[in-house]
Amino acid sequence: MRANVDMEAVILDVLAKLAPGKSASSEEVARAADPENWRKLTGHLRNTARGMARQGKIVVTRHGKPADPEKFKGVYRLRLPTEDERAAAIEAAASTGEDQ
């Protein structure tokens, strides 16, 4: 397994290569980080994705719909947020006093 994987950078790199509105599976992202030992990265990936979704950097989806980053379970996909989703996340973070 690659040491010190910058999972946030891997997620953003994979999603940047997709067409607007398209998503990537967690397996695709984990394989991009480490093709041979990707399964060991799934927990780290989920935690990183959760934090990034809270900040409005990405959207976690289940069954094609945005999922609550605090409550999602099971199979999920990741995509970049739309402009409306990004603005809503920034507004929500500002109202709760979180930094971007």
PDB file of N, CA and C in Angstrom:
ATOM      1  N   MET A   1       0.842  -1.176   0.000  1.00  0.00           N
ATOM      2  CA  MET A   1       0.000   0.000   0.000  1.00  0.00           C
ATOM      3  C   MET A   1       0.889   1.241   0.000  1.00  0.00           C
ATOM      4  N   ARG A   2       0.494   2.243  -0.741  1.00  0.00           N
ATOM      5  CA  ARG A   2       1.251   3.477  -0.779  1.00  0.00           C
ATOM      6  C   ARG A   2       1.151   4.173   0.571  1.00  0.00           C
ATOM      7  N   ALA A   3       2.271   4.636   1.056  1.00  0.00           N
ATOM      8  CA  ALA A   3       2.279   5.336   2.341  1.00  0.00           C
ATOM      9  C   ALA A   3       1.786   6.768   2.151  1.00  0.00           C
ATOM     10  N   ASN A   4       1.080   7.259   3.150  1.00  0.00           N
ATOM     11  CA  ASN A   4       0.652   8.656   3.175  1.00  0.00           C
ATOM     12  C   ASN A   4      -0.102   9.090   1.923  1.00  0.00           C
ATOM     13  N   VAL A   5      -1.111   8.360   1.548  1.00  0.00           N
ATOM     14  CA  VAL A   5      -1.919   8.705   0.386  1.00  0.00           C
ATOM     15  C   VAL A   5      -2.695   9.981   0.697  1.00  0.00           C
ATOM     16  N   ASP A   6      -2.600  10.981  -0.186  1.00  0.00           N
ATOM     17  CA  ASP A   6      -3.392  12.197  -0.050  1.00  0.00           C
ATOM     18  C   ASP A   6      -4.738  11.911  -0.709  1.00  0.00           C
ATOM     19  N   MET A   7      -5.644  11.321   0.076  1.00  0.00           N
ATOM     20  CA  MET A   7      -6.910  10.852  -0.465  1.00  0.00           C
ATOM     21  C   MET A   7      -7.747  11.986  -1.035  1.00  0.00           C
ATOM     22  N   GLU A   8      -7.698  13.145  -0.414  1.00  0.00           N
ATOM     23  CA  GLU A   8      -8.462  14.276  -0.931  1.00  0.00           C
ATOM     24  C   GLU A   8      -8.000  14.632  -2.341  1.00  0.00           C
ATOM     25  N   ALA A   9      -6.688  14.646  -2.555  1.00  0.00           N
ATOM     26  CA  ALA A   9      -6.148  14.954  -3.879  1.00  0.00           C
ATOM     27  C   ALA A   9      -6.546  13.884  -4.890  1.00  0.00           C
ATOM     28  N   VAL A  10      -6.524  12.618  -4.474  1.00  0.00           N
ATOM     29  CA  VAL A  10      -6.918  11.522  -5.370  1.00  0.00           C
ATOM     30  C   VAL A  10      -8.385  11.666  -5.761  1.00  0.00           C
ATOM     31  N   ILE A  11      -9.242  11.941  -4.782  1.00  0.00           N
ATOM     32  CA  ILE A  11     -10.673  12.101  -5.063  1.00  0.00           C
ATOM     33  C   ILE A  11     -10.884  13.227  -6.068  1.00  0.00           C
ATOM     34  N   LEU A  12     -10.288  14.377  -5.812  1.00  0.00           N
ATOM     35  CA  LEU A  12     -10.466  15.519  -6.707  1.00  0.00           C
ATOM     36  C   LEU A  12      -9.906  15.250  -8.093  1.00  0.00           C
ATOM     37  N   ASP A  13      -8.789  14.538  -8.167  1.00  0.00           N
ATOM     38  CA  ASP A  13      -8.192  14.198  -9.460  1.00  0.00           C
ATOM     39  C   ASP A  13      -9.116  13.292 -10.271  1.00  0.00           C
ATOM     40  N   VAL A  14      -9.644  12.257  -9.644  1.00  0.00           N
ATOM     41  CA  VAL A  14     -10.543  11.330 -10.338  1.00  0.00           C
ATOM     42  C   VAL A  14     -11.806  12.057 -10.795  1.00  0.00           C
ATOM     43  N   LEU A  15     -12.396  12.860  -9.916  1.00  0.00           N
ATOM     44  CA  LEU A  15     -13.645  13.543 -10.262  1.00  0.00           C
ATOM     45  C   LEU A  15     -13.438  14.617 -11.318  1.00  0.00           C
ATOM     46  N   ALA A  16     -12.274  15.255 -11.334  1.00  0.00           N
ATOM     47  CA  ALA A  16     -11.988  16.290 -12.326  1.00  0.00           C
ATOM     48  C   ALA A  16     -11.939  15.722 -13.745  1.00  0.00           C
ATOM     49  N   LYS A  17     -11.641  14.451 -13.872  1.00  0.00           N
ATOM     50  CA  LYS A  17     -11.542  13.812 -15.184  1.00  0.00           C
ATOM     51  C   LYS A  17     -12.901  13.387 -15.746  1.00  0.00           C
ATOM     52  N   LEU A  18     -13.946  13.477 -14.935  1.00  0.00           N
ATOM     53  CA  LEU A  18     -15.275  13.052 -15.357  1.00  0.00           C
ATOM     54  C   LEU A  18     -16.026  14.196 -16.026  1.00  0.00           C
ATOM     55  N   ALA A  19     -16.976  13.845 -16.861  1.00  0.00           N
ATOM     56  CA  ALA A  19     -17.854  14.845 -17.463  1.00  0.00           C
ATOM     57  C   ALA A  19     -18.702  15.477 -16.364  1.00  0.00           C
ATOM     58  N   PRO A  20     -19.109  16.731 -16.527  1.00  0.00           N
ATOM     59  CA  PRO A  20     -19.936  17.388 -15.504  1.00  0.00           C
ATOM     60  C   PRO A  20     -21.179  16.549 -15.160  1.00  0.00           C
ATOM     61  N   GLY A  21     -21.437  16.413 -13.867  1.00  0.00           N
ATOM     62  CA  GLY A  21     -22.599  15.664 -13.405  1.00  0.00           C
ATOM     63  C   GLY A  21     -22.380  14.175 -13.264  1.00  0.00           C
ATOM     64  N   LYS A  22     -21.258  13.669 -13.762  1.00  0.00           N
ATOM     65  CA  LYS A  22     -20.968  12.235 -13.661  1.00  0.00           C
ATOM     66  C   LYS A  22     -20.301  11.928 -12.332  1.00  0.00           C
ATOM     67  N   SER A  23     -20.446  10.687 -11.886  1.00  0.00           N
ATOM     68  CA  SER A  23     -19.893  10.292 -10.594  1.00  0.00           C
ATOM     69  C   SER A  23     -18.939   9.117 -10.746  1.00  0.00           C
ATOM     70  N   ALA A  24     -18.149   8.911  -9.696  1.00  0.00           N
ATOM     71  CA  ALA A  24     -17.210   7.792  -9.652  1.00  0.00           C
ATOM     72  C   ALA A  24     -17.551   6.936  -8.445  1.00  0.00           C
ATOM     73  N   SER A  25     -17.379   5.641  -8.594  1.00  0.00           N
ATOM     74  CA  SER A  25     -17.613   4.743  -7.460  1.00  0.00           C
ATOM     75  C   SER A  25     -16.453   4.854  -6.484  1.00  0.00           C
ATOM     76  N   SER A  26     -16.714   4.459  -5.259  1.00  0.00           N
ATOM     77  CA  SER A  26     -15.652   4.473  -4.265  1.00  0.00           C
ATOM     78  C   SER A  26     -14.524   3.527  -4.683  1.00  0.00           C
ATOM     79  N   GLU A  27     -14.874   2.432  -5.338  1.00  0.00           N
ATOM     80  CA  GLU A  27     -13.852   1.490  -5.802  1.00  0.00           C
ATOM     81  C   GLU A  27     -12.946   2.144  -6.843  1.00  0.00           C
ATOM     82  N   GLU A  28     -13.516   2.909  -7.765  1.00  0.00           N
ATOM     83  CA  GLU A  28     -12.710   3.587  -8.783  1.00  0.00           C
ATOM     84  C   GLU A  28     -11.685   4.522  -8.132  1.00  0.00           C
ATOM     85  N   VAL A  29     -12.141   5.262  -7.143  1.00  0.00           N
ATOM     86  CA  VAL A  29     -11.256   6.213  -6.471  1.00  0.00           C
ATOM     87  C   VAL A  29     -10.174   5.472  -5.693  1.00  0.00           C
ATOM     88  N   ALA A  30     -10.551   4.448  -4.952  1.00  0.00           N
ATOM     89  CA  ALA A  30      -9.575   3.682  -4.178  1.00  0.00           C
ATOM     90  C   ALA A  30      -8.548   3.014  -5.097  1.00  0.00           C
ATOM     91  N   ARG A  31      -8.994   2.503  -6.237  1.00  0.00           N
ATOM     92  CA  ARG A  31      -8.061   1.887  -7.196  1.00  0.00           C
ATOM     93  C   ARG A  31      -7.098   2.910  -7.781  1.00  0.00           C
ATOM     94  N   ALA A  32      -7.571   4.152  -7.952  1.00  0.00           N
ATOM     95  CA  ALA A  32      -6.690   5.211  -8.457  1.00  0.00           C
ATOM     96  C   ALA A  32      -5.597   5.527  -7.434  1.00  0.00           C
ATOM     97  N   ALA A  33      -5.923   5.394  -6.149  1.00  0.00           N
ATOM     98  CA  ALA A  33      -4.943   5.651  -5.088  1.00  0.00           C
ATOM     99  C   ALA A  33      -3.928   4.521  -4.980  1.00  0.00           C
ATOM    100  N   ASP A  34      -4.409   3.282  -5.109  1.00  0.00           N
ATOM    101  CA  ASP A  34      -3.513   2.122  -4.988  1.00  0.00           C
ATOM    102  C   ASP A  34      -4.160   0.936  -5.696  1.00  0.00           C
ATOM    103  N   PRO A  35      -3.789   0.686  -6.952  1.00  0.00           N
ATOM    104  CA  PRO A  35      -4.433  -0.371  -7.735  1.00  0.00           C
ATOM    105  C   PRO A  35      -4.345  -1.772  -7.133  1.00  0.00           C
ATOM    106  N   GLU A  36      -3.299  -2.063  -6.380  1.00  0.00           N
ATOM    107  CA  GLU A  36      -3.134  -3.411  -5.849  1.00  0.00           C
ATOM    108  C   GLU A  36      -3.769  -3.619  -4.479  1.00  0.00           C
ATOM    109  N   ASN A  37      -3.729  -2.604  -3.645  1.00  0.00           N
ATOM    110  CA  ASN A  37      -4.227  -2.737  -2.276  1.00  0.00           C
ATOM    111  C   ASN A  37      -5.377  -1.776  -1.979  1.00  0.00           C
ATOM    112  N   TRP A  38      -6.185  -1.511  -2.971  1.00  0.00           N
ATOM    113  CA  TRP A  38      -7.245  -0.521  -2.850  1.00  0.00           C
ATOM    114  C   TRP A  38      -8.256  -0.840  -1.759  1.00  0.00           C
ATOM    115  N   ARG A  39      -8.504  -2.114  -1.492  1.00  0.00           N
ATOM    116  CA  ARG A  39      -9.509  -2.479  -0.475  1.00  0.00           C
ATOM    117  C   ARG A  39      -9.148  -1.951   0.912  1.00  0.00           C
ATOM    118  N   LYS A  40      -7.854  -1.875   1.190  1.00  0.00           N
ATOM    119  CA  LYS A  40      -7.407  -1.385   2.492  1.00  0.00           C
ATOM    120  C   LYS A  40      -7.648   0.112   2.659  1.00  0.00           C
ATOM    121  N   LEU A  41      -7.930   0.804   1.564  1.00  0.00           N
ATOM    122  CA  LEU A  41      -8.116   2.252   1.609  1.00  0.00           C
ATOM    123  C   LEU A  41      -9.580   2.671   1.722  1.00  0.00           C
ATOM    124  N   THR A  42     -10.497   1.721   1.684  1.00  0.00           N
ATOM    125  CA  THR A  42     -11.912   2.094   1.626  1.00  0.00           C
ATOM    126  C   THR A  42     -12.392   2.856   2.864  1.00  0.00           C
ATOM    127  N   GLY A  43     -11.917   2.510   4.033  1.00  0.00           N
ATOM    128  CA  GLY A  43     -12.317   3.241   5.237  1.00  0.00           C
ATOM    129  C   GLY A  43     -11.788   4.669   5.227  1.00  0.00           C
ATOM    130  N   HIS A  44     -10.530   4.820   4.840  1.00  0.00           N
ATOM    131  CA  HIS A  44      -9.909   6.144   4.732  1.00  0.00           C
ATOM    132  C   HIS A  44     -10.645   6.975   3.680  1.00  0.00           C
ATOM    133  N   LEU A  45     -10.984   6.351   2.565  1.00  0.00           N
ATOM    134  CA  LEU A  45     -11.715   7.032   1.496  1.00  0.00           C
ATOM    135  C   LEU A  45     -13.070   7.516   2.002  1.00  0.00           C
ATOM    136  N   ARG A  46     -13.808   6.664   2.677  1.00  0.00           N
ATOM    137  CA  ARG A  46     -15.144   7.037   3.185  1.00  0.00           C
ATOM    138  C   ARG A  46     -15.036   8.224   4.152  1.00  0.00           C
ATOM    139  N   ASN A  47     -14.082   8.169   5.072  1.00  0.00           N
ATOM    140  CA  ASN A  47     -13.921   9.258   6.039  1.00  0.00           C
ATOM    141  C   ASN A  47     -13.522  10.563   5.355  1.00  0.00           C
ATOM    142  N   THR A  48     -12.631  10.484   4.390  1.00  0.00           N
ATOM    143  CA  THR A  48     -12.211  11.678   3.658  1.00  0.00           C
ATOM    144  C   THR A  48     -13.372  12.240   2.852  1.00  0.00           C
ATOM    145  N   ALA A  49     -14.125  11.367   2.180  1.00  0.00           N
ATOM    146  CA  ALA A  49     -15.281  11.807   1.388  1.00  0.00           C
ATOM    147  C   ALA A  49     -16.315  12.478   2.283  1.00  0.00           C
ATOM    148  N   ARG A  50     -16.537  11.927   3.449  1.00  0.00           N
ATOM    149  CA  ARG A  50     -17.499  12.503   4.396  1.00  0.00           C
ATOM    150  C   ARG A  50     -17.084  13.935   4.747  1.00  0.00           C
ATOM    151  N   GLY A  51     -15.819  14.132   5.078  1.00  0.00           N
ATOM    152  CA  GLY A  51     -15.329  15.472   5.418  1.00  0.00           C
ATOM    153  C   GLY A  51     -15.415  16.436   4.248  1.00  0.00           C
ATOM    154  N   MET A  52     -15.067  15.960   3.070  1.00  0.00           N
ATOM    155  CA  MET A  52     -15.129  16.818   1.884  1.00  0.00           C
ATOM    156  C   MET A  52     -16.572  17.191   1.549  1.00  0.00           C
ATOM    157  N   ALA A  53     -17.498  16.272   1.747  1.00  0.00           N
ATOM    158  CA  ALA A  53     -18.910  16.553   1.486  1.00  0.00           C
ATOM    159  C   ALA A  53     -19.435  17.588   2.474  1.00  0.00           C
ATOM    160  N   ARG A  54     -19.016  17.496   3.733  1.00  0.00           N
ATOM    161  CA  ARG A  54     -19.409  18.494   4.736  1.00  0.00           C
ATOM    162  C   ARG A  54     -18.958  19.890   4.330  1.00  0.00           C
ATOM    163  N   GLN A  55     -17.804  19.975   3.674  1.00  0.00           N
ATOM    164  CA  GLN A  55     -17.232  21.259   3.261  1.00  0.00           C
ATOM    165  C   GLN A  55     -17.786  21.728   1.915  1.00  0.00           C
ATOM    166  N   GLY A  56     -18.583  20.895   1.255  1.00  0.00           N
ATOM    167  CA  GLY A  56     -19.139  21.265  -0.044  1.00  0.00           C
ATOM    168  C   GLY A  56     -18.200  21.049  -1.215  1.00  0.00           C
ATOM    169  N   LYS A  57     -17.085  20.349  -0.993  1.00  0.00           N
ATOM    170  CA  LYS A  57     -16.123  20.101  -2.070  1.00  0.00           C
ATOM    171  C   LYS A  57     -16.586  19.009  -3.014  1.00  0.00           C
ATOM    172  N   ILE A  58     -17.332  18.029  -2.486  1.00  0.00           N
ATOM    173  CA  ILE A  58     -17.871  16.937  -3.298  1.00  0.00           C
ATOM    174  C   ILE A  58     -19.280  16.624  -2.816  1.00  0.00           C
ATOM    175  N   VAL A  59     -19.966  15.765  -3.571  1.00  0.00           N
ATOM    176  CA  VAL A  59     -21.291  15.286  -3.184  1.00  0.00           C
ATOM    177  C   VAL A  59     -21.221  13.761  -3.115  1.00  0.00           C
ATOM    178  N   VAL A  60     -21.708  13.209  -2.025  1.00  0.00           N
ATOM    179  CA  VAL A  60     -21.834  11.762  -1.876  1.00  0.00           C
ATOM    180  C   VAL A  60     -23.240  11.406  -2.341  1.00  0.00           C
ATOM    181  N   THR A  61     -23.355  10.421  -3.232  1.00  0.00           N
ATOM    182  CA  THR A  61     -24.676  10.026  -3.718  1.00  0.00           C
ATOM    183  C   THR A  61     -24.960   8.559  -3.412  1.00  0.00           C
ATOM    184  N   ARG A  62     -26.256   8.294  -3.218  1.00  0.00           N
ATOM    185  CA  ARG A  62     -26.761   6.922  -3.095  1.00  0.00           C
ATOM    186  C   ARG A  62     -27.970   6.852  -3.990  1.00  0.00           C
ATOM    187  N   HIS A  63     -28.019   5.840  -4.818  1.00  0.00           N
ATOM    188  CA  HIS A  63     -29.127   5.662  -5.759  1.00  0.00           C
ATOM    189  C   HIS A  63     -29.328   6.913  -6.618  1.00  0.00           C
ATOM    190  N   GLY A  64     -28.218   7.572  -6.976  1.00  0.00           N
ATOM    191  CA  GLY A  64     -28.269   8.727  -7.860  1.00  0.00           C
ATOM    192  C   GLY A  64     -28.706  10.027  -7.219  1.00  0.00           C
ATOM    193  N   LYS A  65     -28.917  10.040  -5.910  1.00  0.00           N
ATOM    194  CA  LYS A  65     -29.380  11.240  -5.218  1.00  0.00           C
ATOM    195  C   LYS A  65     -28.384  11.621  -4.129  1.00  0.00           C
ATOM    196  N   PRO A  66     -28.235  12.925  -3.881  1.00  0.00           N
ATOM    197  CA  PRO A  66     -27.323  13.335  -2.814  1.00  0.00           C
ATOM    198  C   PRO A  66     -27.703  12.690  -1.477  1.00  0.00           C
ATOM    199  N   ALA A  67     -26.692  12.261  -0.748  1.00  0.00           N
ATOM    200  CA  ALA A  67     -26.893  11.615   0.546  1.00  0.00           C
ATOM    201  C   ALA A  67     -26.308  12.487   1.650  1.00  0.00           C
ATOM    202  N   ASP A  68     -26.877  12.383   2.822  1.00  0.00           N
ATOM    203  CA  ASP A  68     -26.377  13.096   3.988  1.00  0.00           C
ATOM    204  C   ASP A  68     -24.999  12.528   4.334  1.00  0.00           C
ATOM    205  N   PRO A  69     -23.947  13.359   4.328  1.00  0.00           N
ATOM    206  CA  PRO A  69     -22.608  12.820   4.605  1.00  0.00           C
ATOM    207  C   PRO A  69     -22.460  12.236   6.006  1.00  0.00           C
ATOM    208  N   GLU A  70     -23.351  12.580   6.910  1.00  0.00           N
ATOM    209  CA  GLU A  70     -23.271  12.054   8.276  1.00  0.00           C
ATOM    210  C   GLU A  70     -23.959  10.702   8.414  1.00  0.00           C
ATOM    211  N   LYS A  71     -24.876  10.380   7.489  1.00  0.00           N
ATOM    212  CA  LYS A  71     -25.720   9.210   7.690  1.00  0.00           C
ATOM    213  C   LYS A  71     -25.655   8.147   6.598  1.00  0.00           C
ATOM    214  N   PHE A  72     -24.934   8.390   5.505  1.00  0.00           N
ATOM    215  CA  PHE A  72     -24.977   7.419   4.411  1.00  0.00           C
ATOM    216  C   PHE A  72     -24.318   6.102   4.806  1.00  0.00           C
ATOM    217  N   LYS A  73     -24.891   5.024   4.301  1.00  0.00           N
ATOM    218  CA  LYS A  73     -24.373   3.676   4.551  1.00  0.00           C
ATOM    219  C   LYS A  73     -24.360   2.924   3.236  1.00  0.00           C
ATOM    220  N   GLY A  74     -23.563   1.893   3.174  1.00  0.00           N
ATOM    221  CA  GLY A  74     -23.558   1.025   2.005  1.00  0.00           C
ATOM    222  C   GLY A  74     -22.822   1.612   0.817  1.00  0.00           C
ATOM    223  N   VAL A  75     -23.212   1.170  -0.356  1.00  0.00           N
ATOM    224  CA  VAL A  75     -22.576   1.559  -1.614  1.00  0.00           C
ATOM    225  C   VAL A  75     -22.878   3.030  -1.898  1.00  0.00           C
ATOM    226  N   TYR A  76     -21.850   3.759  -2.304  1.00  0.00           N
ATOM    227  CA  TYR A  76     -22.023   5.179  -2.594  1.00  0.00           C
ATOM    228  C   TYR A  76     -21.142   5.572  -3.769  1.00  0.00           C
ATOM    229  N   ARG A  77     -21.445   6.734  -4.324  1.00  0.00           N
ATOM    230  CA  ARG A  77     -20.659   7.292  -5.413  1.00  0.00           C
ATOM    231  C   ARG A  77     -20.295   8.727  -5.044  1.00  0.00           C
ATOM    232  N   LEU A  78     -19.313   9.276  -5.738  1.00  0.00           N
ATOM    233  CA  LEU A  78     -18.846  10.629  -5.483  1.00  0.00           C
ATOM    234  C   LEU A  78     -18.906  11.437  -6.767  1.00  0.00           C
ATOM    235  N   ARG A  79     -19.254  12.710  -6.637  1.00  0.00           N
ATOM    236  CA  ARG A  79     -19.214  13.608  -7.783  1.00  0.00           C
ATOM    237  C   ARG A  79     -18.922  15.016  -7.295  1.00  0.00           C
ATOM    238  N   LEU A  80     -18.537  15.867  -8.250  1.00  0.00           N
ATOM    239  CA  LEU A  80     -18.332  17.271  -7.918  1.00  0.00           C
ATOM    240  C   LEU A  80     -19.696  17.935  -7.773  1.00  0.00           C
ATOM    241  N   PRO A  81     -19.804  18.930  -6.915  1.00  0.00           N
ATOM    242  CA  PRO A  81     -21.096  19.590  -6.724  1.00  0.00           C
ATOM    243  C   PRO A  81     -21.433  20.517  -7.888  1.00  0.00           C
ATOM    244  N   THR A  82     -22.732  20.723  -8.084  1.00  0.00           N
ATOM    245  CA  THR A  82     -23.182  21.733  -9.041  1.00  0.00           C
ATOM    246  C   THR A  82     -22.937  23.092  -8.407  1.00  0.00           C
ATOM    247  N   GLU A  83     -23.050  24.156  -9.176  1.00  0.00           N
ATOM    248  CA  GLU A  83     -22.869  25.501  -8.620  1.00  0.00           C
ATOM    249  C   GLU A  83     -23.879  25.771  -7.508  1.00  0.00           C
ATOM    250  N   ASP A  84     -25.125  25.330  -7.696  1.00  0.00           N
ATOM    251  CA  ASP A  84     -26.160  25.525  -6.670  1.00  0.00           C
ATOM    252  C   ASP A  84     -25.808  24.772  -5.389  1.00  0.00           C
ATOM    253  N   GLU A  85     -25.330  23.533  -5.530  1.00  0.00           N
ATOM    254  CA  GLU A  85     -24.951  22.740  -4.353  1.00  0.00           C
ATOM    255  C   GLU A  85     -23.764  23.362  -3.633  1.00  0.00           C
ATOM    256  N   ARG A  86     -22.811  23.871  -4.394  1.00  0.00           N
ATOM    257  CA  ARG A  86     -21.625  24.502  -3.804  1.00  0.00           C
ATOM    258  C   ARG A  86     -22.036  25.757  -3.023  1.00  0.00           C
ATOM    259  N   ALA A  87     -22.903  26.577  -3.616  1.00  0.00           N
ATOM    260  CA  ALA A  87     -23.361  27.799  -2.950  1.00  0.00           C
ATOM    261  C   ALA A  87     -24.130  27.465  -1.674  1.00  0.00           C
ATOM    262  N   ALA A  88     -24.970  26.443  -1.729  1.00  0.00           N
ATOM    263  CA  ALA A  88     -25.745  26.035  -0.557  1.00  0.00           C
ATOM    264  C   ALA A  88     -24.826  25.545   0.559  1.00  0.00           C
ATOM    265  N   ALA A  89     -23.781  24.809   0.209  1.00  0.00           N
ATOM    266  CA  ALA A  89     -22.840  24.302   1.208  1.00  0.00           C
ATOM    267  C   ALA A  89     -22.072  25.445   1.864  1.00  0.00           C
ATOM    268  N   ILE A  90     -21.677  26.419   1.069  1.00  0.00           N
ATOM    269  CA  ILE A  90     -20.954  27.577   1.605  1.00  0.00           C
ATOM    270  C   ILE A  90     -21.866  28.361   2.546  1.00  0.00           C
ATOM    271  N   GLU A  91     -23.111  28.541   2.133  1.00  0.00           N
ATOM    272  CA  GLU A  91     -24.078  29.259   2.969  1.00  0.00           C
ATOM    273  C   GLU A  91     -24.338  28.504   4.279  1.00  0.00           C
ATOM    274  N   ALA A  92     -24.486  27.198   4.192  1.00  0.00           N
ATOM    275  CA  ALA A  92     -24.738  26.392   5.390  1.00  0.00           C
ATOM    276  C   ALA A  92     -23.540  26.447   6.342  1.00  0.00           C
ATOM    277  N   ALA A  93     -22.334  26.373   5.787  1.00  0.00           N
ATOM    278  CA  ALA A  93     -21.132  26.428   6.621  1.00  0.00           C
ATOM    279  C   ALA A  93     -21.004  27.800   7.283  1.00  0.00           C
ATOM    280  N   ALA A  94     -21.343  28.858   6.562  1.00  0.00           N
ATOM    281  CA  ALA A  94     -21.266  30.203   7.119  1.00  0.00           C
ATOM    282  C   ALA A  94     -22.258  30.381   8.262  1.00  0.00           C
ATOM    283  N   SER A  95     -23.428  29.788   8.129  1.00  0.00           N
ATOM    284  CA  SER A  95     -24.447  29.929   9.178  1.00  0.00           C
ATOM    285  C   SER A  95     -24.104  29.129  10.438  1.00  0.00           C
ATOM    286  N   THR A  96     -23.268  28.107  10.282  1.00  0.00           N
ATOM    287  CA  THR A  96     -22.866  27.315  11.458  1.00  0.00           C
ATOM    288  C   THR A  96     -21.483  27.716  11.960  1.00  0.00           C
ATOM    289  N   GLY A  97     -20.841  28.652  11.242  1.00  0.00           N
ATOM    290  CA  GLY A  97     -19.539  29.140  11.679  1.00  0.00           C
ATOM    291  C   GLY A  97     -18.367  28.267  11.287  1.00  0.00           C
ATOM    292  N   GLU A  98     -18.557  27.310  10.362  1.00  0.00           N
ATOM    293  CA  GLU A  98     -17.456  26.450   9.920  1.00  0.00           C
ATOM    294  C   GLU A  98     -16.606  27.167   8.903  1.00  0.00           C
ATOM    295  N   ASP A  99     -15.316  26.838   8.859  1.00  0.00           N
ATOM    296  CA  ASP A  99     -14.408  27.385   7.862  1.00  0.00           C
ATOM    297  C   ASP A  99     -14.459  26.538   6.623  1.00  0.00           C
ATOM    298  N   GLN A 100     -14.225  27.170   5.498  1.00  0.00           N
ATOM    299  CA  GLN A 100     -14.188  26.448   4.219  1.00  0.00           C
ATOM    300  C   GLN A 100     -12.820  25.959   3.932  1.00  0.00           C
TER     301      GLN A 100
END
